[in-house]
Structure formats: C-alpha cells, structure tokens
Amino acid sequence: MFRCTEFVLVLTIYTNSNGMYRLKCNICNNSYVGQSDGTITTKHKEHTRDIRTNNPISVYALHVLNNRHEYGTTEETPELLKPCNKGTRMNGWEALYIQGFHQRNILIEEQQVNDINFLYELI
C-alpha cells in the first residue's frame, strides 16, 4: 500500500540529491539540462531568483525572460535525471543528456550543443 509519507520520502531523496537535473518550461515544454553539486531544489531557486530579478545569467532564466514564458514551482519543475557527484563523470553525463534532449527536440533553444558526439547515438 502506498502511503503519503513514502511519497514525501521519495520526493525528499530526489530534491535533496546532487547530479544531473532538468528544468521544464511550462509554456513550450522544452527543458534545460544542468548539473549541481548541491540540491536541485536549491539550484531551481537560484534560477527562479535570476528570473525574478530580470537577470538572464542562466540559460534557463534567459529562455523564460526572452520568450516571456512561465516557470513552475520547486515542487513541479526540477527533475533529477541522474544522481552523481561533481567532476569529470558529471560533465560526461551532462553532455549525454544535452545531446539526447537536443536530438529529441526538447532542449530549450538557448542551450548550446557543443561537439555532438556520434557515440551517444549508439546508446
């Protein structure tokens, strides 16, 4: 039987984890992919602060501000894609996710795709 406390525990584990995450735009449904060595909840709050202060320092904030799109709450917007520690491995996972989202046309246009690696297409 599924209990509410189990849901809160799962939600807490994912929002309090570091690793690869995505922020989904509420209007176009495209996503920003990023990495965090802190919690994804904290990272979402940083992006939200940039939007509220009209500071397009992050690509996600730039997307929302330039397109006049809406951003969601901390409970609905961030999604942990892959828990992992900061470092070279995280950079590889970020490149993989960015390329995958780009190939499926669900990456926000403002996020640059650097050096498309044909090996990722084999995965």
Protein backbone atom coordinates (compact mmCIF):
# COMPACT_ATOMS: atom_id res chain seq x y z
CA MET A 1 0.00 0.00 0.00
CA PHE A 2 1.31 3.45 -0.93
CA ARG A 3 1.31 6.00 1.87
CA CYS A 4 1.77 9.76 1.70
CA THR A 5 4.85 9.54 3.94
CA GLU A 6 6.54 7.27 1.40
CA PHE A 7 5.90 9.84 -1.35
CA VAL A 8 7.40 12.62 0.80
CA LEU A 9 10.45 10.44 1.47
CA VAL A 10 10.96 9.73 -2.24
CA LEU A 11 10.45 13.40 -3.14
CA THR A 12 12.92 14.44 -0.44
CA ILE A 13 15.54 11.99 -1.69
CA TYR A 14 15.29 13.30 -5.25
CA THR A 15 15.13 17.00 -4.44
CA ASN A 16 17.92 16.74 -1.90
CA SER A 17 20.26 14.91 -4.28
CA ASN A 18 23.04 16.32 -6.40
CA GLY A 19 23.61 15.33 -10.00
CA MET A 20 22.09 15.92 -13.41
CA TYR A 21 18.75 17.70 -13.49
CA ARG A 22 16.32 19.28 -15.90
CA LEU A 23 14.01 22.27 -15.61
CA LYS A 24 10.96 22.11 -17.83
CA CYS A 25 9.38 25.24 -19.31
CA ASN A 26 5.67 25.48 -18.51
CA ILE A 27 4.79 27.02 -21.89
CA CYS A 28 6.82 25.22 -24.58
CA ASN A 29 7.54 22.04 -22.53
CA ASN A 30 11.19 22.12 -23.60
CA SER A 31 13.85 21.54 -20.98
CA TYR A 32 17.09 22.97 -19.67
CA VAL A 33 19.67 20.38 -18.59
CA GLY A 34 22.15 21.22 -15.86
CA GLN A 35 24.34 19.79 -13.18
CA SER A 36 24.51 20.58 -9.50
CA ASP A 37 26.82 19.64 -6.68
CA GLY A 38 24.11 20.91 -4.31
CA THR A 39 20.44 20.05 -4.15
CA ILE A 40 18.32 20.51 -7.26
CA THR A 41 15.82 22.40 -5.11
CA THR A 42 18.49 25.00 -4.32
CA LYS A 43 19.51 25.14 -7.99
CA HIS A 44 15.89 25.74 -9.05
CA LYS A 45 15.62 28.57 -6.51
CA GLU A 46 18.77 30.15 -7.98
CA HIS A 47 17.29 30.07 -11.49
CA THR A 48 13.99 31.46 -10.17
CA ARG A 49 15.80 34.31 -8.42
CA ASP A 50 17.54 35.18 -11.70
CA ILE A 51 14.16 35.31 -13.45
CA ARG A 52 12.50 37.43 -10.74
CA THR A 53 15.39 39.92 -10.72
CA ASN A 54 15.41 40.07 -14.54
CA ASN A 55 18.97 38.73 -14.60
CA PRO A 56 19.49 36.39 -17.58
CA ILE A 57 22.71 34.94 -16.13
CA SER A 58 21.49 31.35 -16.54
CA VAL A 59 20.32 29.83 -19.81
CA TYR A 60 17.02 28.83 -18.22
CA ALA A 61 16.41 32.40 -16.99
CA LEU A 62 17.37 33.73 -20.43
CA HIS A 63 14.81 31.39 -22.05
CA VAL A 64 11.99 32.39 -19.70
CA LEU A 65 12.75 36.13 -19.88
CA ASN A 66 13.32 36.38 -23.64
CA ASN A 67 10.27 34.33 -24.58
CA ARG A 68 8.04 35.59 -21.75
CA HIS A 69 7.40 32.01 -20.73
CA GLU A 70 6.33 30.80 -17.31
CA TYR A 71 8.40 28.84 -14.84
CA GLY A 72 6.97 26.41 -12.32
CA THR A 73 7.27 25.81 -8.63
CA THR A 74 10.06 23.95 -6.88
CA GLU A 75 7.71 21.00 -6.44
CA GLU A 76 6.80 20.63 -10.13
CA THR A 77 9.68 21.98 -12.25
CA PRO A 78 13.01 20.35 -11.34
CA GLU A 79 13.57 16.70 -12.12
CA LEU A 80 16.62 14.71 -11.11
CA LEU A 81 17.87 12.85 -14.19
CA LYS A 82 20.91 11.12 -12.70
CA PRO A 83 22.32 11.30 -9.19
CA CYS A 84 26.10 11.64 -9.36
CA ASN A 85 28.99 13.53 -7.82
CA LYS A 86 30.57 16.65 -9.28
CA GLY A 87 33.53 16.00 -11.56
CA THR A 88 34.52 14.60 -14.92
CA ARG A 89 31.82 11.94 -14.82
CA MET A 90 29.13 14.55 -14.28
CA ASN A 91 30.42 16.51 -17.29
CA GLY A 92 30.08 13.39 -19.43
CA TRP A 93 26.54 12.75 -18.22
CA GLU A 94 25.64 16.39 -18.90
CA ALA A 95 26.91 16.15 -22.49
CA LEU A 96 24.96 12.91 -22.98
CA TYR A 97 21.69 14.36 -21.68
CA ILE A 98 22.07 17.63 -23.58
CA GLN A 99 22.67 15.78 -26.84
CA GLY A 100 19.77 13.39 -26.17
CA PHE A 101 17.36 16.21 -25.43
CA HIS A 102 18.62 18.11 -28.48
CA GLN A 103 18.09 15.10 -30.77
CA ARG A 104 14.51 14.72 -29.49
CA ASN A 105 13.90 18.48 -29.97
CA ILE A 106 13.02 19.03 -26.31
CA LEU A 107 16.04 21.15 -25.36
CA ILE A 108 15.47 24.88 -24.98
CA GLU A 109 16.95 26.76 -27.94
CA GLU A 110 19.17 28.94 -25.75
CA GLN A 111 21.17 25.95 -24.52
CA GLN A 112 24.16 25.33 -26.75
CA VAL A 113 25.01 21.87 -28.00
CA ASN A 114 28.78 21.59 -28.16
CA ASP A 115 30.60 18.95 -30.17
CA ILE A 116 27.90 16.45 -30.99
CA ASN A 117 29.39 13.05 -30.29
CA PHE A 118 28.23 10.26 -32.59
CA LEU A 119 28.96 7.70 -29.86
CA TYR A 120 26.00 8.99 -27.86
CA GLU A 121 23.74 7.98 -30.73
CA LEU A 122 24.73 4.35 -30.16
CA ILE A 123 23.43 4.33 -26.59
